[in-house]
């Protein structure tokens, strides 16, 4: 609602839709470029060198299973920056799409 209201009531340089579309797509593209250049954190779980799979459970000497200790527990906290960048990309897309409709 608000993006459509801004489109219709606040023209930029005499134009109502084209500047909002350009700003939206530019904002989306910048967010996606930053996202693509953001390095991934190391994997949370350790990787088994033989099978190449994640080690999520370990077998104890008595035959029971328990959860394995993660190799990089700080990786669980790294998802926030990816979420914010994806939200910003979606916001740019919404601004451009509303202007196009």
Protein backbone atom coordinates (compact mmCIF):
# COMPACT_ATOMS: atom_id res chain seq x y z
CA UNK A 1 0.00 0.00 0.00
CA UNK A 2 2.66 2.51 1.01
CA UNK A 3 4.90 1.92 -2.01
CA UNK A 4 1.94 2.42 -4.34
CA UNK A 5 0.97 5.57 -2.45
CA UNK A 6 4.49 6.97 -2.77
CA UNK A 7 4.54 6.11 -6.48
CA UNK A 8 1.34 7.98 -7.15
CA UNK A 9 1.81 11.02 -4.91
CA UNK A 10 5.56 11.77 -4.93
CA UNK A 11 6.92 12.04 -8.47
CA UNK A 12 10.70 12.10 -8.91
CA UNK A 13 11.89 14.56 -11.55
CA UNK A 14 8.38 14.65 -13.00
CA UNK A 15 8.15 10.86 -13.40
CA UNK A 16 5.94 8.65 -11.26
CA UNK A 17 6.93 5.06 -11.98
CA UNK A 18 10.24 4.77 -13.81
CA UNK A 19 12.46 6.19 -11.02
CA UNK A 20 10.90 3.86 -8.45
CA UNK A 21 11.43 0.89 -10.74
CA UNK A 22 15.06 1.85 -11.31
CA UNK A 23 15.68 2.46 -7.61
CA UNK A 24 14.02 -0.85 -6.67
CA UNK A 25 15.96 -2.94 -9.19
CA UNK A 26 19.21 -1.16 -8.34
CA UNK A 27 18.65 -1.77 -4.63
CA UNK A 28 17.84 -5.43 -5.30
CA UNK A 29 20.91 -5.86 -7.54
CA UNK A 30 23.25 -4.25 -5.00
CA UNK A 31 21.92 -6.44 -2.19
CA UNK A 32 22.37 -9.58 -4.32
CA UNK A 33 25.89 -8.56 -5.39
CA UNK A 34 26.88 -7.99 -1.75
CA UNK A 35 25.29 -11.35 -0.87
CA UNK A 36 27.20 -13.14 -3.61
CA UNK A 37 30.49 -11.69 -2.36
CA UNK A 38 29.85 -12.58 1.28
CA UNK A 39 31.92 -15.63 2.23
CA UNK A 40 30.18 -18.61 3.77
CA UNK A 41 31.06 -19.53 7.36
CA UNK A 42 32.75 -22.86 8.05
CA UNK A 43 30.37 -25.82 8.41
CA UNK A 44 28.72 -26.22 11.80
CA UNK A 45 29.30 -29.99 11.95
CA UNK A 46 32.63 -31.75 11.46
CA UNK A 47 33.09 -33.59 8.18
CA UNK A 48 34.10 -37.25 8.17
CA UNK A 49 37.25 -37.56 6.08
CA UNK A 50 36.36 -41.06 4.87
CA UNK A 51 32.73 -40.63 3.82
CA UNK A 52 32.65 -36.85 3.36
CA UNK A 53 29.40 -36.58 5.34
CA UNK A 54 28.65 -34.50 8.41
CA UNK A 55 29.24 -36.12 11.79
CA UNK A 56 26.03 -35.42 13.70
CA UNK A 57 25.97 -38.45 16.02
CA UNK A 58 28.68 -40.41 17.74
CA UNK A 59 28.47 -43.97 19.01
CA UNK A 60 29.59 -44.43 22.60
CA UNK A 61 31.48 -47.56 23.77
CA UNK A 62 28.28 -48.99 25.28
CA UNK A 63 26.53 -48.81 21.87
CA UNK A 64 24.32 -45.80 22.55
CA UNK A 65 24.30 -42.69 20.40
CA UNK A 66 24.64 -39.08 21.38
CA UNK A 67 24.86 -35.81 19.52
CA UNK A 68 28.33 -34.94 18.30
CA UNK A 69 30.05 -31.74 19.33
CA UNK A 70 30.00 -29.19 16.52
CA UNK A 71 33.34 -28.14 15.03
CA UNK A 72 32.31 -24.51 14.55
CA UNK A 73 29.44 -23.56 16.91
CA UNK A 74 29.82 -19.88 15.96
CA UNK A 75 28.50 -20.76 12.48
CA UNK A 76 25.00 -21.13 13.94
CA UNK A 77 24.99 -17.37 14.62
CA UNK A 78 26.15 -16.37 11.11
CA UNK A 79 22.80 -16.68 9.34
CA UNK A 80 21.54 -13.23 10.31
CA UNK A 81 23.58 -11.29 7.77
CA UNK A 82 22.35 -13.52 4.94
CA UNK A 83 18.77 -13.06 6.08
CA UNK A 84 19.12 -9.27 6.15
CA UNK A 85 20.68 -9.18 2.68
CA UNK A 86 17.90 -11.36 1.28
CA UNK A 87 15.28 -9.15 2.96
CA UNK A 88 16.83 -6.05 1.36
CA UNK A 89 16.86 -7.74 -2.04
CA UNK A 90 13.19 -8.64 -1.62
CA UNK A 91 12.39 -5.06 -0.58
CA UNK A 92 14.01 -3.73 -3.76
CA UNK A 93 12.05 -6.25 -5.82
CA UNK A 94 8.77 -5.23 -4.14
CA UNK A 95 9.40 -1.52 -4.78
CA UNK A 96 10.13 -2.21 -8.45
CA UNK A 97 7.19 -4.57 -8.84
CA UNK A 98 4.69 -2.19 -7.25
CA UNK A 99 5.86 0.58 -9.56
CA UNK A 100 5.48 -1.70 -12.57
CA UNK A 101 1.88 -2.66 -11.72
